Protein backbone atom coordinates (compact mmCIF):
# COMPACT_ATOMS: atom_id res chain seq x y z
CA MET A 1 46.65 -85.36 49.32
CA TRP A 2 44.01 -84.98 46.62
CA LEU A 3 43.27 -81.37 47.48
CA SER A 4 46.95 -80.47 47.19
CA LEU A 5 46.64 -81.09 43.44
CA PHE A 6 45.41 -77.50 43.15
CA LEU A 7 49.13 -76.64 43.10
CA ILE A 8 49.32 -77.97 39.52
CA PRO A 9 46.94 -75.38 38.00
CA LEU A 10 48.48 -72.77 40.30
CA ALA A 11 51.91 -73.48 38.77
CA LEU A 12 50.45 -73.23 35.24
CA TYR A 13 48.77 -69.89 35.96
CA LEU A 14 51.88 -68.45 37.62
CA TYR A 15 53.91 -69.48 34.57
CA ALA A 16 51.48 -67.60 32.31
CA TYR A 17 51.76 -64.46 34.45
CA PHE A 18 55.49 -64.47 35.15
CA ARG A 19 56.62 -65.04 31.57
CA THR A 20 56.68 -61.25 31.35
CA PRO A 21 57.48 -58.56 33.92
CA LEU A 22 54.13 -57.00 32.96
CA ILE A 23 50.59 -58.44 33.11
CA PRO A 24 49.24 -60.31 30.06
CA MET A 25 46.24 -59.36 27.94
CA ILE A 26 43.95 -56.31 28.04
CA ASP A 27 42.13 -56.63 31.36
CA GLY A 28 45.13 -57.58 33.52
CA PRO A 29 46.34 -54.01 34.13
CA TYR A 30 42.72 -53.00 34.72
CA TYR A 31 42.73 -55.03 37.95
CA ALA A 32 46.04 -53.53 39.01
CA SER A 33 44.71 -50.01 38.41
CA GLN A 34 41.57 -50.74 40.42
CA LEU A 35 43.73 -51.92 43.34
CA LEU A 36 45.67 -48.66 43.30
CA TRP A 37 42.44 -46.68 43.49
CA ILE A 38 40.87 -48.85 46.21
CA ALA A 39 43.98 -48.59 48.37
CA LYS A 40 43.83 -44.79 48.09
CA TYR A 41 40.09 -44.07 48.23
CA GLY A 42 38.46 -47.31 49.45
CA THR A 43 36.16 -47.61 46.41
CA LEU A 44 36.41 -48.84 42.83
CA ARG A 45 37.72 -46.48 40.17
CA HIS A 46 35.45 -48.02 37.53
CA PRO A 47 32.01 -49.49 38.41
CA ASP A 48 32.18 -53.27 38.43
CA PRO A 49 31.09 -56.25 40.55
CA PRO A 50 33.41 -55.60 43.50
CA LEU A 51 34.30 -58.94 45.07
CA THR A 52 37.32 -59.94 42.97
CA PHE A 53 39.07 -56.62 43.53
CA TYR A 54 38.66 -56.80 47.29
CA LEU A 55 39.88 -60.40 47.29
CA LEU A 56 43.01 -59.18 45.48
CA LEU A 57 43.52 -56.29 47.89
CA PRO A 58 45.35 -58.35 50.60
CA PHE A 59 47.93 -59.35 47.97
CA TYR A 60 48.55 -55.64 47.36
CA TRP A 61 48.93 -54.99 51.09
CA LEU A 62 51.42 -57.87 51.34
CA THR A 63 53.52 -56.99 48.29
CA GLY A 64 53.14 -53.21 48.14
CA ASP A 65 53.06 -53.55 44.34
CA ASN A 66 49.73 -53.50 42.51
CA ILE A 67 51.11 -55.30 39.45
CA LEU A 68 52.77 -58.03 41.50
CA ALA A 69 49.57 -58.38 43.53
CA VAL A 70 47.64 -59.32 40.38
CA LYS A 71 50.40 -61.60 39.09
CA ILE A 72 50.29 -63.59 42.34
CA GLY A 73 46.73 -63.04 43.52
CA ALA A 74 44.81 -63.90 40.34
CA PRO A 75 46.55 -67.29 39.83
CA PHE A 76 46.13 -68.19 43.50
CA LEU A 77 42.45 -67.29 43.68
CA VAL A 78 41.47 -69.08 40.47
CA SER A 79 43.47 -72.21 41.33
CA LEU A 80 41.24 -72.53 44.40
CA ALA A 81 38.37 -73.42 42.01
CA PHE A 82 39.95 -76.90 41.96
CA LEU A 83 38.71 -77.47 45.52
CA PRO A 84 34.92 -77.14 45.09
CA ALA A 85 35.16 -78.88 41.70
CA PHE A 86 36.90 -81.85 43.34
CA LEU A 87 34.47 -81.93 46.28
CA PHE A 88 31.44 -81.77 43.96
CA LEU A 89 32.63 -84.59 41.70
CA ARG A 90 33.64 -86.72 44.69
CA GLU A 91 30.17 -86.20 46.15
CA VAL A 92 28.42 -87.29 42.96
CA GLU A 93 30.77 -90.00 41.68
CA GLU A 94 31.91 -91.26 45.12
CA PHE A 95 35.37 -91.83 43.64
CA GLU A 96 38.29 -89.57 44.52
CA GLY A 97 40.35 -90.49 41.45
CA ALA A 98 37.52 -89.47 39.14
CA ALA A 99 37.00 -86.26 41.11
CA ALA A 100 40.68 -85.35 40.85
CA ALA A 101 40.75 -86.07 37.11
CA GLY A 102 37.67 -83.94 36.47
CA ALA A 103 38.86 -81.04 38.62
CA LEU A 104 42.27 -81.04 36.91
CA ALA A 105 40.66 -81.14 33.45
CA PHE A 106 38.54 -78.15 34.41
CA THR A 107 41.38 -76.05 35.86
CA LEU A 108 44.07 -76.97 33.30
CA SER A 109 41.92 -76.51 30.19
CA GLU A 110 42.72 -73.74 27.74
CA TYR A 111 39.29 -72.26 28.49
CA THR A 112 40.12 -71.65 32.15
CA VAL A 113 43.67 -70.50 31.30
CA ARG A 114 42.14 -68.01 28.88
CA MET A 115 39.98 -66.58 31.62
CA VAL A 116 42.63 -66.44 34.34
CA THR A 117 45.00 -64.52 32.05
CA ASP A 118 42.44 -61.94 30.94
CA PHE A 119 38.90 -62.23 32.34
CA VAL A 120 39.91 -62.55 35.97
CA LYS A 121 36.49 -61.79 37.48
CA ASN A 122 34.94 -64.45 35.27
CA ALA A 123 37.62 -66.93 36.35
CA VAL A 124 37.19 -66.20 40.08
CA GLY A 125 33.46 -66.75 39.64
CA LEU A 126 34.16 -70.38 38.72
CA ILE A 127 34.78 -70.99 42.42
CA TRP A 128 31.21 -70.01 43.24
CA ILE A 129 29.74 -72.01 40.34
CA PHE A 130 31.20 -75.27 41.61
CA SER A 131 30.47 -74.43 45.24
CA TRP A 132 26.84 -73.83 44.23
CA MET A 133 26.79 -77.16 42.38
CA LEU A 134 28.25 -78.89 45.45
CA PHE A 135 25.77 -77.41 47.94
CA SER A 136 22.86 -77.70 45.51
CA TYR A 137 23.52 -81.40 44.95
CA ARG A 138 23.84 -82.07 48.67
CA TYR A 139 20.67 -80.13 49.47
CA GLN A 140 18.74 -81.98 46.76
CA ARG A 141 19.88 -85.27 48.24
CA ASN A 142 19.66 -84.61 52.00
CA GLY A 143 17.52 -81.51 52.44
CA ASN A 144 19.98 -80.13 55.02
CA TRP A 145 19.39 -76.42 55.64
CA ARG A 146 23.17 -75.83 55.95
CA ASP A 147 23.60 -76.93 52.35
CA LEU A 148 20.79 -74.58 51.30
CA VAL A 149 22.60 -71.72 53.04
CA GLY A 150 25.79 -72.70 51.21
CA ALA A 151 23.98 -72.71 47.86
CA VAL A 152 22.37 -69.32 48.54
CA ALA A 153 25.71 -67.85 49.63
CA SER A 154 27.32 -69.16 46.44
CA VAL A 155 24.70 -67.44 44.28
CA MET A 156 25.24 -64.17 46.13
CA LEU A 157 29.03 -64.39 45.77
CA ALA A 158 28.69 -65.13 42.05
CA MET A 159 26.43 -62.09 41.65
CA LEU A 160 29.11 -59.93 43.28
CA THR A 161 31.81 -61.41 41.03
CA HIS A 162 30.69 -61.65 37.39
CA ILE A 163 27.44 -61.54 35.44
CA LEU A 164 28.26 -64.59 33.30
CA ASP A 165 29.00 -66.85 36.27
CA PHE A 166 25.91 -65.57 38.03
CA GLY A 167 23.79 -66.08 34.91
CA PHE A 168 25.13 -69.61 34.51
CA ILE A 169 23.99 -70.53 38.04
CA VAL A 170 20.56 -68.95 37.50
CA ALA A 171 20.10 -70.78 34.18
CA VAL A 172 21.20 -74.16 35.61
CA SER A 173 18.87 -73.77 38.60
CA ILE A 174 15.91 -73.05 36.29
CA VAL A 175 16.67 -75.98 33.96
CA GLN A 176 17.09 -78.27 36.96
CA LEU A 177 13.71 -77.11 38.26
CA PHE A 178 12.02 -78.17 35.00
CA MET A 179 13.79 -81.53 35.20
CA LYS A 180 12.94 -82.40 38.81
CA ARG A 181 9.88 -80.28 39.63
CA ASP A 182 10.16 -80.84 43.36
CA LYS A 183 10.16 -78.58 46.39
CA ARG A 184 13.94 -78.44 46.83
CA SER A 185 14.74 -77.57 43.22
CA THR A 186 11.96 -74.96 43.35
CA LEU A 187 13.54 -73.36 46.41
CA LEU A 188 17.00 -73.30 44.82
CA ALA A 189 15.63 -71.68 41.65
CA ALA A 190 13.59 -69.20 43.69
CA PHE A 191 16.66 -67.93 45.53
CA SER A 192 18.58 -67.61 42.24
CA LEU A 193 15.76 -65.62 40.66
CA ALA A 194 15.47 -63.45 43.78
CA PHE A 195 19.10 -62.42 43.46
CA LEU A 196 18.56 -61.80 39.73
CA ALA A 197 15.68 -59.47 40.58
CA LEU A 198 17.88 -57.71 43.14
CA ALA A 199 20.57 -57.15 40.49
CA PHE A 200 17.94 -55.64 38.15
CA PHE A 201 16.39 -53.32 40.71
CA GLN A 202 19.67 -52.35 42.39
CA PRO A 203 22.26 -52.50 39.58
CA TRP A 204 24.80 -50.51 41.62
CA ILE A 205 25.39 -53.65 43.71
CA VAL A 206 26.94 -55.37 40.69
CA GLY A 207 28.50 -52.23 39.21
CA GLY A 208 25.96 -52.14 36.40
CA ASP A 209 27.14 -55.54 35.16
CA ILE A 210 23.53 -56.62 34.72
CA PHE A 211 23.25 -54.29 31.72
CA LYS A 212 25.62 -56.56 29.80
CA GLY A 213 23.02 -59.28 30.14
CA ILE A 214 20.31 -56.90 28.97
CA ALA A 215 22.44 -55.91 25.96
CA PHE A 216 22.86 -59.58 25.05
CA VAL A 217 19.12 -60.26 25.23
CA GLU A 218 18.38 -57.16 23.14
CA GLU A 219 20.88 -58.07 20.44
CA VAL A 220 19.60 -61.63 20.18
CA SER A 221 15.93 -60.58 20.14
CA GLU A 222 16.62 -57.96 17.47
CA GLY A 223 18.81 -60.25 15.37
CA GLU A 224 21.83 -57.93 15.72
CA THR A 225 24.22 -60.67 16.75
CA GLY A 226 26.91 -60.36 14.12
CA ARG A 227 28.65 -63.34 12.58
CA VAL A 228 30.85 -66.05 13.96
CA ARG A 229 34.25 -65.66 12.31
CA ALA A 230 33.71 -67.44 9.01
CA SER A 231 37.32 -67.04 7.94
CA ALA A 232 38.66 -69.11 10.87
CA PRO A 233 39.11 -72.80 9.94
CA VAL A 234 37.11 -75.29 11.99
CA ARG A 235 39.35 -77.30 14.32
CA MET A 236 38.64 -80.55 16.12
CA THR A 237 38.95 -78.69 19.41
CA ASP A 238 36.02 -76.50 18.36
CA LEU A 239 33.80 -79.54 18.92
CA ILE A 240 34.83 -79.94 22.57
CA PRO A 241 32.14 -77.60 23.98
CA TYR A 242 29.42 -79.57 22.20
CA ALA A 243 30.84 -83.04 22.91
CA ALA A 244 31.39 -82.39 26.64
CA SER A 245 27.93 -80.87 27.04
CA LEU A 246 26.20 -83.67 25.10
CA LEU A 247 27.91 -86.29 27.24
CA LEU A 248 26.38 -84.75 30.35
CA VAL A 249 22.93 -84.69 28.74
CA VAL A 250 23.29 -88.36 27.78
CA VAL A 251 24.29 -89.26 31.34
CA TRP A 252 21.12 -87.62 32.59
CA LEU A 253 18.91 -89.28 29.96
CA LYS A 254 20.27 -92.66 31.05
CA GLY A 255 19.11 -92.05 34.60
CA GLY A 256 22.10 -90.11 35.89
CA GLU A 257 22.26 -86.95 37.97
CA ALA A 258 19.83 -84.22 36.86
CA LEU A 259 22.34 -81.52 37.73
CA TYR A 260 24.68 -82.99 35.10
CA GLY A 261 21.90 -82.73 32.53
CA ALA A 262 21.13 -79.14 33.50
CA VAL A 263 24.79 -78.12 33.17
CA GLY A 264 25.00 -79.89 29.80
CA ILE A 265 21.86 -78.23 28.42
CA VAL A 266 22.88 -74.73 29.56
CA SER A 267 26.39 -75.23 28.13
CA LEU A 268 24.95 -76.35 24.80
CA LEU A 269 22.66 -73.33 24.64
CA MET A 270 25.60 -71.02 25.37
CA ASN A 271 27.57 -72.43 22.44
CA ILE A 272 24.94 -72.15 19.73
CA PRO A 273 26.77 -70.53 16.78
CA PHE A 274 24.18 -67.80 16.51
CA TYR A 275 25.14 -65.09 18.97
CA GLY A 276 28.10 -63.61 17.13
CA TRP A 277 31.78 -63.92 17.94
CA LYS A 278 32.00 -61.37 20.77
CA TRP A 279 29.44 -63.38 22.76
CA ILE A 280 30.48 -66.87 21.67
CA MET A 281 34.08 -66.12 22.65
CA ARG A 282 33.00 -65.31 26.22
CA PHE A 283 30.52 -68.19 26.48
CA ARG A 284 33.00 -70.73 25.13
CA ASN A 285 35.40 -69.90 27.94
CA MET A 286 32.92 -71.61 30.29
CA THR A 287 33.56 -74.96 28.57
CA GLY A 288 35.92 -76.03 31.35
CA ILE A 289 32.84 -76.71 33.51
CA PRO A 290 31.20 -79.40 31.33
CA LEU A 291 34.62 -80.66 30.21
CA GLY A 292 35.82 -81.38 33.74
CA THR A 293 32.46 -82.74 34.87
CA SER A 294 32.10 -85.12 31.90
CA LEU A 295 35.68 -86.39 32.24
CA GLY A 296 35.16 -87.09 35.95
CA ASN A 297 32.00 -89.04 35.14
CA ALA A 298 33.70 -90.96 32.31
CA HIS A 299 36.60 -91.86 34.61
CA SER A 300 34.15 -93.18 37.20
CA LEU A 301 32.15 -95.24 34.70
CA ALA A 302 35.27 -96.76 33.12
CA GLY A 303 36.61 -98.07 36.42
CA ARG A 304 40.28 -99.02 36.30
CA LYS A 305 40.44 -98.31 32.59
CA GLY A 306 39.35 -94.80 33.44
CA PHE A 307 42.77 -94.12 34.91
CA TYR A 308 44.50 -94.54 31.55
CA LEU A 309 41.72 -92.64 29.78
CA SER A 310 42.11 -89.74 32.20
CA ILE A 311 45.90 -89.66 31.91
CA LEU A 312 45.65 -89.40 28.12
CA ALA A 313 42.88 -86.78 28.28
CA LEU A 314 44.70 -84.74 30.91
CA ALA A 315 47.90 -84.80 28.86
CA LEU A 316 46.03 -83.36 25.87
CA ILE A 317 44.21 -80.82 28.01
CA LEU A 318 47.40 -79.72 29.74
CA SER A 319 49.21 -79.34 26.42
CA SER A 320 46.47 -77.01 25.14
CA GLY A 321 46.45 -75.03 28.37
CA LEU A 322 50.23 -74.79 28.38
CA GLN A 323 50.27 -73.67 24.76
CA LEU A 324 47.85 -70.86 25.56
CA ALA A 325 49.77 -69.89 28.70
CA SER A 326 52.93 -69.66 26.57
CA SER A 327 51.35 -67.36 23.99
CA VAL A 328 49.65 -64.61 26.00
CA HIS A 329 51.19 -61.12 25.73
CA PRO A 330 50.79 -57.81 27.52
CA THR A 331 49.26 -55.05 25.42
CA ILE A 332 52.35 -52.82 25.78
CA ASP A 333 56.11 -53.43 25.83
CA LEU A 334 58.29 -52.96 28.88
CA GLU A 335 59.95 -50.02 27.10
CA THR A 336 56.54 -48.37 26.76
CA TYR A 337 55.79 -48.98 30.43
CA GLU A 338 59.08 -47.42 31.52
CA GLU A 339 58.50 -44.36 29.32
CA MET A 340 55.05 -43.96 30.82
CA ARG A 341 56.54 -44.05 34.32
CA TYR A 342 59.08 -41.42 33.30
CA ILE A 343 56.35 -39.13 31.94
CA PHE A 344 54.26 -39.38 35.11
CA SER A 345 57.31 -38.67 37.27
CA ARG A 346 58.18 -35.55 35.24
CA PHE A 347 54.78 -33.97 34.50
CA THR A 348 51.98 -33.24 36.98
CA GLY A 349 48.34 -32.87 36.03
CA GLU A 350 45.56 -35.04 34.65
CA VAL A 351 46.47 -37.09 31.57
CA TYR A 352 43.99 -38.27 28.96
CA VAL A 353 44.89 -41.54 27.20
CA PRO A 354 42.54 -42.29 24.27
CA ASP A 355 43.53 -45.96 23.76
CA VAL A 356 41.84 -47.96 26.53
CA LYS A 357 44.46 -50.73 26.34
CA VAL A 358 47.17 -48.17 27.08
CA ARG A 359 44.99 -46.25 29.52
CA TYR A 360 44.69 -49.26 31.84
CA TRP A 361 48.48 -49.35 32.02
CA ALA A 362 48.67 -45.63 32.70
CA GLU A 363 46.19 -46.14 35.55
CA THR A 364 48.47 -48.75 37.13
CA ILE A 365 51.09 -46.00 37.50
CA SER A 366 49.12 -42.87 38.32
CA LEU A 367 45.81 -41.82 39.85
CA SER A 368 45.79 -38.74 37.60
CA VAL A 369 44.54 -40.46 34.46
CA GLY A 370 41.23 -39.53 32.84
CA SER A 371 39.07 -41.36 30.33
CA SER A 372 37.98 -38.09 28.67
CA PRO A 373 39.86 -35.00 27.43
CA GLN A 374 37.34 -32.88 29.35
CA GLY A 375 39.30 -31.23 32.14
CA ALA A 376 42.55 -33.02 31.27
CA ASP A 377 45.88 -31.18 31.10
CA TYR A 378 47.75 -33.56 28.81
CA LEU A 379 47.17 -36.08 26.04
CA MET A 380 49.41 -39.17 26.04
CA ILE A 381 49.69 -41.59 23.13
CA CYS A 382 51.79 -44.75 23.35
CA LEU A 383 52.45 -47.54 20.90
CA ALA A 384 50.95 -50.97 21.48
CA SER A 385 53.10 -54.05 22.03
CA LYS A 386 55.28 -55.02 19.07
CA ALA A 387 54.21 -58.62 19.67
CA LEU A 388 50.64 -57.55 18.92
CA GLY A 389 51.55 -55.67 15.77
CA GLY A 390 51.95 -52.25 17.35
CA GLY A 391 54.62 -49.72 16.56
CA GLN A 392 54.69 -49.67 12.76
CA ILE A 393 53.18 -46.19 12.44
CA PRO A 394 54.39 -43.44 14.79
CA PRO A 395 51.31 -41.89 16.47
CA PRO A 396 51.82 -38.37 15.05
CA GLN A 397 51.42 -39.82 11.54
CA ASP A 398 48.23 -41.75 12.28
CA GLN A 399 45.33 -39.83 10.67
CA ARG A 400 42.98 -40.44 13.60
CA ILE A 401 45.59 -39.04 15.97
CA VAL A 402 46.20 -36.06 13.66
CA LYS A 403 42.49 -35.17 13.84
CA LEU A 404 42.45 -35.61 17.63
CA LEU A 405 45.53 -33.40 18.09
CA ARG A 406 44.04 -30.73 15.88
CA HIS A 407 40.70 -30.88 17.68
CA LEU A 408 42.33 -30.51 21.11
CA ARG A 409 44.83 -27.90 19.85
CA ALA A 410 47.51 -30.08 21.39
CA ILE A 411 51.10 -28.83 21.75
CA PRO A 412 53.91 -31.44 21.76
CA LEU A 413 55.88 -31.61 25.03
CA PHE A 414 57.67 -34.94 25.01
CA GLU A 415 58.60 -37.39 22.27
CA GLY A 416 60.03 -40.76 23.25
CA ARG A 417 60.61 -43.98 21.39
CA ARG A 418 57.23 -45.40 22.42
CA CYS A 419 55.24 -42.56 24.04
CA PHE A 420 54.28 -39.01 23.06
CA LEU A 421 52.90 -36.35 25.40
CA TYR A 422 50.98 -33.21 24.37
CA LYS A 423 49.67 -30.21 26.26
CA ILE A 424 45.95 -29.81 25.63
CA GLY A 425 45.20 -26.31 24.45
CA GLY A 426 41.40 -26.47 24.31
C-alpha cells in the first residue's frame, strides 16, 4: 500500500509533460533525438552517460514515437525514485508513515519537478542515490556482503547516469568516512573513489561527463565563478536548502545517524552562494534529498503530531511542485514544430541549425541534422516559443543571422511563418 504512493509523483510528472503536445524545456527534445539515433544506429548521437537513454528505449519500442516515449518514460522512471527513498527512510526511522512522508516530500518538491522536466538524467540518478543510501546504511549496520554489492552497484549505475548524482554519492561516502572512521565506511568510500578514478582514466564510459566536474573545480580554484543573480529578490523558499541540510546535521550532532549528517554537510557545501548561478542552479535542484530526509525524520520524532506536521508540509511542497509543473514550456511552438516537419519532408540533405534549442527539436524529426555548417546542404532558422519571448524579430532581420547568411553565402529556399530554410552556397 505504501509503495503504491509512487503513483502520486507519477501523476504530477505526467501532468507537467502532457500539458503540451511537445516536450517541455531545453533538454527534453534532446532525449527524444537520442532515442531516434539509438534505434537506428545502436549508439548515442551525442556523447553522454548512456544509462538513461537505454532505459527510455523500451518506451520508444512500445510507442513507436520518440517524443511520446520521453513524455511517458521520463515521468515513470523518475517516479520510481520514491521506492528506494521510502525503503531507506523506513529502514532508518522504523516508521512507515514517516518514510512515506519523506519520500513524497522528496518526489513532489519543486526541485525534483524541475529536474524531471528538464534534467532527466540528473532526475533518474536520484534512484541510485537513495538506493546507495539504503544499501550503505544496511551494510554499515549489519555488514552483509549483499548490501555491499547493492551499494557498489548503485555507485556504478549513478556513474553511468549523471556526474552530479555520482559526485554526490562520492562526496557523501567520503564525509561519512571522516565521521565514522571504521572498516565498513572505509570500504564504501574506497569503492566510490575507485569508480571516480575509472571515470577519470576512461572518460568515454561516462560520455566525457567527468569533464564537467573538472571544469567546476577549475572555475572555483581560479575564482572564475561568476555571480549569483543579485537582481533576484530573496524568497523564504530560498532558505529551504540550508534549513533542510542543517536539520540533518543537527540530528547527527545529537547522536543520530551519521549518514544523515553526511548528506546534510554535502548539501550545505553544494549550496554555498559562491559558485555562480549556473552551478548553484544545478546544485540546488538536489535539495529534494535533504528535504525529504529531514521531513521523514521530523515526522518520526514528532510521533502522532508528526502526521499533522507532514500533511501541512506536504501540502506546501505539492503546491510549489504543482506550480512549477504548470509553468514549464517547450522551447518552440507547435506551429514551429509542424513547419520543421514539413521542411524535412520536402527537402533532402543535411541541415545545419545554429540555435541548439531548435536543433534538438530538428533532431527529433530527422537524422540528417548537423551541429556545424561544415558539409551541410541547408541552413534552417526557426523562431523560439512565443511563451519564452521568441518571435518578435523575424530571423532575416536579426544582425547575427544576417552575418551568418552572408558568411555562408546562403540562398533563401523556403519562408514560413516560423521557419526559414536557406541553401548553403559555401
